[in-house]
Amino acid sequence: MQDSDDETADITEDWVPVEELGYEQARDELVDVVATLEHGGLDLDASLALWERGEALATRCEEHLAGARARIEAAIAETDPDDD
């Protein structure tokens, strides 16, 4: 079981907290997570840790996109003459 813990620790030790990542960083890391999971070869604990990280990264990307969408909609509303 120690090997499993070591493998999981090796994978997670360099992770930046998800809430600190910008969109591009989160997206790029998510791509890497998916590729690693698709490649396989990890034990169950490491795979689960990566899966959970991927879920958190996907959520972070969605948050950034929702924020960008809201900003665009607000900018359009400010300049749209039909909204008088």
Protein backbone atom coordinates (compact mmCIF):
# COMPACT_ATOMS: atom_id res chain seq x y z
CA MET A 1 0.00 0.00 0.00
CA GLN A 2 2.97 2.30 0.56
CA ASP A 3 3.81 2.21 -3.17
CA SER A 4 0.29 3.43 -3.95
CA ASP A 5 0.64 6.31 -1.50
CA ASP A 6 4.04 7.19 -2.99
CA GLU A 7 2.67 7.20 -6.53
CA THR A 8 -0.26 9.41 -5.52
CA ALA A 9 2.06 11.77 -3.65
CA ASP A 10 4.36 12.00 -6.68
CA ILE A 11 1.42 12.98 -8.87
CA THR A 12 -0.09 15.54 -6.50
CA GLU A 13 2.98 17.20 -5.00
CA ASP A 14 3.37 19.92 -7.65
CA TRP A 15 -0.31 20.81 -8.01
CA VAL A 16 -1.16 24.48 -7.71
CA PRO A 17 -4.49 25.04 -5.94
CA VAL A 18 -7.19 25.00 -8.61
CA GLU A 19 -8.68 28.31 -7.44
CA GLU A 20 -5.36 30.02 -8.26
CA LEU A 21 -5.33 28.89 -11.90
CA GLY A 22 -6.30 31.04 -14.84
CA TYR A 23 -8.41 29.60 -17.61
CA GLU A 24 -5.52 28.64 -19.90
CA GLN A 25 -3.56 27.05 -17.05
CA ALA A 26 -6.56 25.02 -15.91
CA ARG A 27 -7.41 23.98 -19.46
CA ASP A 28 -3.85 22.91 -20.25
CA GLU A 29 -3.55 20.93 -17.04
CA LEU A 30 -6.93 19.30 -17.71
CA VAL A 31 -5.67 18.18 -21.13
CA ASP A 32 -2.62 16.65 -19.42
CA VAL A 33 -4.78 14.91 -16.81
CA VAL A 34 -7.01 13.39 -19.48
CA ALA A 35 -4.00 12.20 -21.48
CA THR A 36 -2.44 10.63 -18.38
CA LEU A 37 -5.67 8.84 -17.49
CA GLU A 38 -6.12 7.64 -21.06
CA HIS A 39 -2.58 6.30 -21.13
CA GLY A 40 -3.29 4.23 -18.02
CA GLY A 41 -0.73 2.42 -15.95
CA LEU A 42 -1.51 4.18 -12.68
CA ASP A 43 -2.79 2.46 -9.59
CA LEU A 44 -6.36 3.04 -8.47
CA ASP A 45 -5.54 5.71 -5.85
CA ALA A 46 -3.42 7.73 -8.27
CA SER A 47 -6.09 7.42 -10.97
CA LEU A 48 -8.78 8.60 -8.56
CA ALA A 49 -6.63 11.54 -7.46
CA LEU A 50 -6.15 12.53 -11.10
CA TRP A 51 -9.86 12.09 -11.84
CA GLU A 52 -10.77 14.35 -8.91
CA ARG A 53 -8.22 16.91 -10.05
CA GLY A 54 -9.67 16.77 -13.55
CA GLU A 55 -13.18 17.37 -12.22
CA ALA A 56 -11.94 20.38 -10.23
CA LEU A 57 -10.08 21.73 -13.27
CA ALA A 58 -13.16 21.35 -15.48
CA THR A 59 -15.24 23.22 -12.91
CA ARG A 60 -12.62 25.97 -12.77
CA CYS A 61 -12.69 26.31 -16.56
CA GLU A 62 -16.48 26.55 -16.48
CA GLU A 63 -16.25 29.28 -13.83
CA HIS A 64 -13.86 31.30 -15.98
CA LEU A 65 -16.06 30.87 -19.05
CA ALA A 66 -19.19 31.88 -17.13
CA GLY A 67 -17.40 34.99 -15.89
CA ALA A 68 -16.27 35.86 -19.40
CA ARG A 69 -19.78 35.29 -20.74
CA ALA A 70 -21.24 37.60 -18.07
CA ARG A 71 -18.70 40.31 -18.91
CA ILE A 72 -19.47 40.07 -22.62
CA GLU A 73 -23.22 40.19 -22.01
CA ALA A 74 -22.78 43.21 -19.74
CA ALA A 75 -20.67 44.99 -22.35
CA ILE A 76 -23.23 44.25 -25.05
CA ALA A 77 -26.06 45.49 -22.83
CA GLU A 78 -24.20 48.75 -22.20
CA THR A 79 -23.75 49.43 -25.92
CA ASP A 80 -27.05 48.03 -27.23
CA PRO A 81 -29.32 50.96 -28.17
CA ASP A 82 -32.38 48.67 -28.25
CA ASP A 83 -32.35 48.29 -24.47
CA ASP A 84 -33.70 51.78 -23.72
